Amino acid sequence: MYIGRELSELTMVPIADWEMNELLYYHHSFSQLAAYLSAEGASLHVKVIHELESRGPVNGDSGGWDHSSSPIYD
């Protein structure tokens, strides 16, 4: 379950000020809904992707006994 700011609130905030868990959550959501996004939604998804790329690697390894192999955004 996602606990964080809603997308309607985040659209009023510069994407550079979004937290990493918000970027990861909405990237995952947009990816699942890609076929149904409007032009505005697809544009926001591209901005999220560019912001994630600009912040550097998210999951640099394949995990271990003490950490997950994929980022946890919840």
C-alpha atoms as a PDB file:
ATOM      1  CA  MET A   1       0.000   0.000   0.000  1.00  0.00           C
ATOM      2  CA  TYR A   2       1.339   3.418  -1.003  1.00  0.00           C
ATOM      3  CA  ILE A   3       1.521   6.010   1.730  1.00  0.00           C
ATOM      4  CA  GLY A   4       2.455   9.385   0.345  1.00  0.00           C
ATOM      5  CA  ARG A   5       1.297  12.408  -1.537  1.00  0.00           C
ATOM      6  CA  GLU A   6      -1.433  12.009  -4.149  1.00  0.00           C
ATOM      7  CA  LEU A   7      -0.709  12.715  -7.788  1.00  0.00           C
ATOM      8  CA  SER A   8      -3.041  15.726  -7.758  1.00  0.00           C
ATOM      9  CA  GLU A   9      -0.829  17.305  -5.081  1.00  0.00           C
ATOM     10  CA  LEU A  10       2.425  16.304  -6.749  1.00  0.00           C
ATOM     11  CA  THR A  11       1.479  17.934 -10.052  1.00  0.00           C
ATOM     12  CA  MET A  12       1.675  21.274  -8.209  1.00  0.00           C
ATOM     13  CA  VAL A  13       5.234  20.493  -7.003  1.00  0.00           C
ATOM     14  CA  PRO A  14       8.318  20.622  -9.258  1.00  0.00           C
ATOM     15  CA  ILE A  15       9.316  17.073 -10.151  1.00  0.00           C
ATOM     16  CA  ALA A  16      12.821  17.711  -8.776  1.00  0.00           C
ATOM     17  CA  ASP A  17      11.214  18.067  -5.329  1.00  0.00           C
ATOM     18  CA  TRP A  18       9.472  14.689  -5.457  1.00  0.00           C
ATOM     19  CA  GLU A  19      10.806  12.055  -3.069  1.00  0.00           C
ATOM     20  CA  MET A  20      12.392   8.921  -4.505  1.00  0.00           C
ATOM     21  CA  ASN A  21       9.571   6.668  -3.244  1.00  0.00           C
ATOM     22  CA  GLU A  22       7.035   8.894  -5.025  1.00  0.00           C
ATOM     23  CA  LEU A  23       8.965   8.750  -8.289  1.00  0.00           C
ATOM     24  CA  LEU A  24       9.303   4.982  -8.071  1.00  0.00           C
ATOM     25  CA  TYR A  25       5.651   4.431  -7.171  1.00  0.00           C
ATOM     26  CA  TYR A  26       4.242   6.613  -9.930  1.00  0.00           C
ATOM     27  CA  HIS A  27       6.713   5.248 -12.492  1.00  0.00           C
ATOM     28  CA  HIS A  28       5.470   1.755 -11.676  1.00  0.00           C
ATOM     29  CA  SER A  29       1.836   2.894 -11.872  1.00  0.00           C
ATOM     30  CA  PHE A  30       2.331   4.703 -15.179  1.00  0.00           C
ATOM     31  CA  SER A  31       4.152   1.683 -16.594  1.00  0.00           C
ATOM     32  CA  GLN A  32       1.202  -0.560 -15.747  1.00  0.00           C
ATOM     33  CA  LEU A  33      -1.251   1.902 -17.330  1.00  0.00           C
ATOM     34  CA  ALA A  34       0.869   3.001 -20.311  1.00  0.00           C
ATOM     35  CA  ALA A  35      -1.630   1.846 -22.922  1.00  0.00           C
ATOM     36  CA  TYR A  36      -4.375   3.926 -21.323  1.00  0.00           C
ATOM     37  CA  LEU A  37      -2.513   7.173 -20.586  1.00  0.00           C
ATOM     38  CA  SER A  38      -3.498  10.397 -22.301  1.00  0.00           C
ATOM     39  CA  ALA A  39      -0.850  12.606 -23.889  1.00  0.00           C
ATOM     40  CA  GLU A  40      -0.584  14.534 -20.623  1.00  0.00           C
ATOM     41  CA  GLY A  41      -0.131  11.330 -18.601  1.00  0.00           C
ATOM     42  CA  ALA A  42       2.478   9.998 -21.025  1.00  0.00           C
ATOM     43  CA  SER A  43       4.329  13.321 -20.836  1.00  0.00           C
ATOM     44  CA  LEU A  44       4.363  13.182 -17.028  1.00  0.00           C
ATOM     45  CA  HIS A  45       5.628   9.599 -17.182  1.00  0.00           C
ATOM     46  CA  VAL A  46       8.526  10.692 -19.406  1.00  0.00           C
ATOM     47  CA  LYS A  47       9.377  13.459 -16.904  1.00  0.00           C
ATOM     48  CA  VAL A  48       9.349  10.920 -14.073  1.00  0.00           C
ATOM     49  CA  ILE A  49      11.680   8.645 -16.050  1.00  0.00           C
ATOM     50  CA  HIS A  50      14.088  11.511 -16.779  1.00  0.00           C
ATOM     51  CA  GLU A  51      14.113  12.538 -13.110  1.00  0.00           C
ATOM     52  CA  LEU A  52      14.821   8.966 -12.006  1.00  0.00           C
ATOM     53  CA  GLU A  53      17.658   8.735 -14.535  1.00  0.00           C
ATOM     54  CA  SER A  54      19.115  12.054 -13.390  1.00  0.00           C
ATOM     55  CA  ARG A  55      19.238  10.860  -9.775  1.00  0.00           C
ATOM     56  CA  GLY A  56      21.408   7.893 -10.674  1.00  0.00           C
ATOM     57  CA  PRO A  57      21.052   4.147 -10.258  1.00  0.00           C
ATOM     58  CA  VAL A  58      18.289   2.998  -7.958  1.00  0.00           C
ATOM     59  CA  ASN A  59      19.107  -0.665  -7.486  1.00  0.00           C
ATOM     60  CA  GLY A  60      22.793  -1.129  -8.029  1.00  0.00           C
ATOM     61  CA  ASP A  61      22.981  -4.793  -7.112  1.00  0.00           C
ATOM     62  CA  SER A  62      20.925  -7.952  -7.086  1.00  0.00           C
ATOM     63  CA  GLY A  63      20.125  -7.922  -3.399  1.00  0.00           C
ATOM     64  CA  GLY A  64      21.339  -9.887  -0.456  1.00  0.00           C
ATOM     65  CA  TRP A  65      20.223 -11.288   2.842  1.00  0.00           C
ATOM     66  CA  ASP A  66      19.975  -7.788   4.327  1.00  0.00           C
ATOM     67  CA  HIS A  67      18.387  -5.839   1.459  1.00  0.00           C
ATOM     68  CA  SER A  68      15.937  -6.211  -1.382  1.00  0.00           C
ATOM     69  CA  SER A  69      16.881  -6.809  -5.011  1.00  0.00           C
ATOM     70  CA  SER A  70      14.386  -4.155  -6.117  1.00  0.00           C
ATOM     71  CA  PRO A  71      13.597  -0.757  -4.664  1.00  0.00           C
ATOM     72  CA  ILE A  72      10.807  -0.592  -2.131  1.00  0.00           C
ATOM     73  CA  TYR A  73       8.712   2.489  -2.724  1.00  0.00           C
ATOM     74  CA  ASP A  74       5.916   1.765  -0.314  1.00  0.00           C
END
